[in-house]
Amino acid sequence: MRLRLTPRDTTYFDLFADSAKHLVTGANLLGEMLGADRATRKEIGKRIADAEHAADDATHTIMRRLNQTFVTPFDRDDIYMLASHLDDCMDLMDEAADLIVLYKIDELPARVSDQVQVLQRAAELTAEAMPRLRSMDSLSEYWVEVNRLENQADKSHRKLVAQMFDEVTDPIMIIKLKEIVDRLEDAADAFEKVANAVETIALKES
């Protein structure tokens, strides 16, 4: 770690940890949505939207503090980048849940659960990693594992799309399902961007 001669605002670490907790909530609610009926999915969708609003509030708090703080724990641009990528993860999970409800999907392909399990694990790892930004300790395992999960998500996504084209005969349903699974894949990509941002910060601070 570099020696610092000026005080720094450490509140950011708590704010990042708070933001990541909402990701765990959102990913777990997505998991609940998969096995629910249409009426229950609508209720779960509202809870995911609430989590997304809470995540937005956490992001706005970080941005406001960034505008008010002269000395930051690490580069201002990196704080902005990390906060934005965390927000993207929640936004994309919320979009996927919203599409499931809006398109009135009765049954999702079984492989969708593989995608959601990746998001749940990535969210858990991200929430565990954020408090460690204080010391930059033992973070490499985090970004390596999230990158591995994203590769797994890519393979799952390709298999899922191929399966849909083989098994779903209604072209409108294919369009609906593909939009949903694409948003889930985008969410996995967003988690990887968070991990990459953490790696960038850690390397700069080492």
Protein backbone atom coordinates (compact mmCIF):
# COMPACT_ATOMS: atom_id res chain seq x y z
CA MET A 1 0.00 0.00 0.00
CA ARG A 2 1.18 3.51 -0.70
CA LEU A 3 1.89 5.77 2.26
CA ARG A 4 -0.73 8.49 2.60
CA LEU A 5 0.06 11.78 4.34
CA THR A 6 -3.48 13.20 4.11
CA PRO A 7 -6.70 12.00 5.76
CA ARG A 8 -9.22 10.28 3.57
CA ASP A 9 -12.97 9.77 3.74
CA THR A 10 -13.50 6.08 4.46
CA THR A 11 -17.29 6.31 4.30
CA TYR A 12 -17.10 5.15 0.69
CA PHE A 13 -16.26 1.62 1.78
CA ASP A 14 -19.48 1.39 3.77
CA LEU A 15 -21.43 2.86 0.87
CA PHE A 16 -20.02 0.34 -1.60
CA ALA A 17 -20.82 -2.49 0.82
CA ASP A 18 -24.37 -1.19 1.19
CA SER A 19 -24.78 -0.97 -2.58
CA ALA A 20 -23.58 -4.55 -3.05
CA LYS A 21 -26.06 -5.89 -0.48
CA HIS A 22 -28.90 -4.80 -2.76
CA LEU A 23 -27.41 -6.95 -5.52
CA VAL A 24 -27.68 -10.03 -3.32
CA THR A 25 -31.32 -9.19 -2.61
CA GLY A 26 -32.08 -8.69 -6.30
CA ALA A 27 -30.37 -11.89 -7.43
CA ASN A 28 -32.09 -13.99 -4.77
CA LEU A 29 -35.47 -12.54 -5.69
CA LEU A 30 -34.79 -13.47 -9.31
CA GLY A 31 -34.22 -17.01 -8.10
CA GLU A 32 -37.59 -16.94 -6.31
CA MET A 33 -39.27 -15.65 -9.45
CA LEU A 34 -38.22 -18.64 -11.54
CA GLY A 35 -40.32 -21.15 -9.61
CA ALA A 36 -43.29 -18.87 -9.01
CA ASP A 37 -46.62 -18.65 -10.82
CA ARG A 38 -47.53 -15.57 -12.83
CA ALA A 39 -49.38 -13.80 -10.00
CA THR A 40 -46.55 -14.37 -7.53
CA ARG A 41 -43.99 -13.25 -10.10
CA LYS A 42 -45.74 -9.90 -10.30
CA GLU A 43 -45.39 -9.44 -6.53
CA ILE A 44 -41.74 -10.54 -6.61
CA GLY A 45 -41.15 -8.14 -9.50
CA LYS A 46 -42.32 -5.27 -7.28
CA ARG A 47 -39.88 -6.35 -4.58
CA ILE A 48 -37.04 -6.41 -7.12
CA ALA A 49 -38.07 -2.93 -8.26
CA ASP A 50 -37.90 -1.80 -4.63
CA ALA A 51 -34.39 -3.24 -4.36
CA GLU A 52 -33.45 -1.42 -7.56
CA HIS A 53 -34.73 1.88 -6.12
CA ALA A 54 -32.72 1.27 -2.93
CA ALA A 55 -29.64 0.54 -5.04
CA ASP A 56 -30.22 3.78 -6.97
CA ASP A 57 -30.37 5.68 -3.68
CA ALA A 58 -27.07 4.09 -2.62
CA THR A 59 -25.47 5.09 -5.93
CA HIS A 60 -26.76 8.66 -5.64
CA THR A 61 -25.35 8.88 -2.11
CA ILE A 62 -21.92 7.86 -3.41
CA MET A 63 -22.11 10.41 -6.22
CA ARG A 64 -23.20 13.21 -3.90
CA ARG A 65 -20.38 12.43 -1.49
CA LEU A 66 -17.93 12.36 -4.37
CA ASN A 67 -18.95 15.92 -5.26
CA GLN A 68 -18.57 17.05 -1.66
CA THR A 69 -15.30 15.32 -0.70
CA PHE A 70 -11.89 16.71 -1.53
CA VAL A 71 -9.75 13.73 -0.44
CA THR A 72 -11.01 10.31 -1.52
CA PRO A 73 -9.72 6.83 -0.56
CA PHE A 74 -8.72 6.18 -4.15
CA ASP A 75 -8.99 7.81 -7.57
CA ARG A 76 -12.24 9.75 -8.06
CA ASP A 77 -12.78 8.33 -11.55
CA ASP A 78 -12.42 4.81 -10.16
CA ILE A 79 -15.00 5.53 -7.45
CA TYR A 80 -17.40 6.76 -10.12
CA MET A 81 -16.67 3.74 -12.33
CA LEU A 82 -17.21 1.22 -9.54
CA ALA A 83 -20.45 2.86 -8.36
CA SER A 84 -21.78 2.96 -11.92
CA HIS A 85 -20.98 -0.70 -12.59
CA LEU A 86 -22.64 -1.78 -9.32
CA ASP A 87 -25.71 0.18 -10.35
CA ASP A 88 -25.72 -1.46 -13.79
CA CYS A 89 -25.85 -4.93 -12.22
CA MET A 90 -29.03 -4.09 -10.34
CA ASP A 91 -30.61 -2.27 -13.28
CA LEU A 92 -30.14 -5.25 -15.59
CA MET A 93 -31.52 -7.77 -13.11
CA ASP A 94 -34.52 -5.51 -12.61
CA GLU A 95 -35.01 -5.25 -16.39
CA ALA A 96 -34.98 -9.04 -16.75
CA ALA A 97 -37.53 -9.45 -13.95
CA ASP A 98 -39.71 -6.72 -15.42
CA LEU A 99 -39.70 -8.40 -18.84
CA ILE A 100 -40.73 -11.74 -17.32
CA VAL A 101 -43.76 -10.02 -15.77
CA LEU A 102 -44.62 -7.77 -18.73
CA TYR A 103 -44.40 -10.59 -21.27
CA LYS A 104 -46.59 -12.81 -19.05
CA ILE A 105 -44.23 -15.77 -19.41
CA ASP A 106 -45.84 -18.93 -18.03
CA GLU A 107 -42.78 -21.14 -18.13
CA LEU A 108 -39.14 -20.22 -18.55
CA PRO A 109 -36.60 -22.62 -20.06
CA ALA A 110 -34.91 -24.75 -17.40
CA ARG A 111 -31.46 -23.42 -18.29
CA VAL A 112 -32.48 -19.93 -17.15
CA SER A 113 -31.87 -21.18 -13.61
CA ASP A 114 -28.20 -21.68 -14.56
CA GLN A 115 -27.96 -18.02 -15.50
CA VAL A 116 -29.63 -16.88 -12.29
CA GLN A 117 -27.40 -19.11 -10.16
CA VAL A 118 -24.37 -17.41 -11.69
CA LEU A 119 -25.84 -14.01 -10.81
CA GLN A 120 -26.57 -15.13 -7.25
CA ARG A 121 -23.00 -16.34 -6.76
CA ALA A 122 -21.51 -13.23 -8.39
CA ALA A 123 -23.65 -11.03 -6.15
CA GLU A 124 -22.53 -12.90 -3.03
CA LEU A 125 -18.86 -12.61 -4.02
CA THR A 126 -19.25 -8.91 -4.79
CA ALA A 127 -20.90 -8.23 -1.43
CA GLU A 128 -18.07 -10.10 0.33
CA ALA A 129 -15.41 -8.19 -1.62
CA MET A 130 -16.60 -4.62 -1.08
CA PRO A 131 -15.59 -4.37 2.63
CA ARG A 132 -12.12 -5.64 1.69
CA LEU A 133 -11.53 -2.51 -0.37
CA ARG A 134 -10.42 -0.88 2.90
CA SER A 135 -7.26 -2.99 2.98
CA MET A 136 -7.18 -4.27 -0.62
CA ASP A 137 -6.56 -7.66 0.97
CA SER A 138 -7.31 -11.02 -0.71
CA LEU A 139 -9.22 -9.49 -3.61
CA SER A 140 -7.55 -11.36 -6.46
CA GLU A 141 -9.54 -14.52 -5.72
CA TYR A 142 -12.70 -12.45 -6.07
CA TRP A 143 -12.06 -11.07 -9.52
CA VAL A 144 -10.67 -14.36 -10.82
CA GLU A 145 -13.77 -16.23 -9.68
CA VAL A 146 -16.20 -13.64 -11.08
CA ASN A 147 -14.39 -13.77 -14.43
CA ARG A 148 -14.75 -17.57 -14.35
CA LEU A 149 -18.45 -17.23 -13.57
CA GLU A 150 -18.92 -14.83 -16.47
CA ASN A 151 -17.30 -17.34 -18.84
CA GLN A 152 -19.67 -19.96 -17.46
CA ALA A 153 -22.59 -17.59 -18.04
CA ASP A 154 -21.49 -17.07 -21.66
CA LYS A 155 -21.55 -20.81 -22.33
CA SER A 156 -24.90 -21.22 -20.59
CA HIS A 157 -26.34 -18.36 -22.62
CA ARG A 158 -25.22 -19.85 -25.94
CA LYS A 159 -26.66 -23.26 -25.05
CA LEU A 160 -29.90 -21.67 -23.91
CA VAL A 161 -30.39 -19.67 -27.09
CA ALA A 162 -29.64 -22.74 -29.22
CA GLN A 163 -32.14 -24.77 -27.21
CA MET A 164 -34.83 -22.13 -27.64
CA PHE A 165 -34.42 -22.09 -31.41
CA ASP A 166 -34.68 -25.89 -31.42
CA GLU A 167 -37.64 -26.29 -29.11
CA VAL A 168 -39.77 -23.12 -29.24
CA THR A 169 -41.97 -22.94 -32.32
CA ASP A 170 -43.72 -19.61 -31.68
CA PRO A 171 -41.48 -16.86 -33.15
CA ILE A 172 -42.99 -14.19 -30.87
CA MET A 173 -42.22 -16.31 -27.81
CA ILE A 174 -38.64 -16.80 -29.04
CA ILE A 175 -38.24 -13.01 -29.26
CA LYS A 176 -39.62 -12.55 -25.74
CA LEU A 177 -37.49 -15.28 -24.20
CA LYS A 178 -34.34 -14.17 -25.98
CA GLU A 179 -34.75 -10.63 -24.70
CA ILE A 180 -35.03 -11.96 -21.14
CA VAL A 181 -32.00 -14.26 -21.35
CA ASP A 182 -29.99 -11.52 -23.05
CA ARG A 183 -30.66 -9.18 -20.11
CA LEU A 184 -29.53 -11.90 -17.71
CA GLU A 185 -26.35 -12.34 -19.75
CA ASP A 186 -25.82 -8.57 -19.70
CA ALA A 187 -26.13 -8.69 -15.90
CA ALA A 188 -23.38 -11.32 -15.74
CA ASP A 189 -21.21 -9.07 -17.91
CA ALA A 190 -21.92 -6.17 -15.54
CA PHE A 191 -20.72 -8.20 -12.55
CA GLU A 192 -17.50 -8.90 -14.44
CA LYS A 193 -17.07 -5.17 -15.04
CA VAL A 194 -17.38 -4.61 -11.28
CA ALA A 195 -14.67 -7.23 -10.70
CA ASN A 196 -12.46 -5.64 -13.36
CA ALA A 197 -12.93 -2.24 -11.73
CA VAL A 198 -11.88 -3.67 -8.38
CA GLU A 199 -8.81 -5.22 -10.00
CA THR A 200 -7.89 -1.86 -11.55
CA ILE A 201 -8.25 -0.10 -8.20
CA ALA A 202 -6.25 -2.76 -6.35
CA LEU A 203 -3.41 -2.63 -8.85
CA LYS A 204 -3.25 1.16 -8.65
CA GLU A 205 -3.21 1.08 -4.86
CA SER A 206 -0.59 -1.67 -4.52
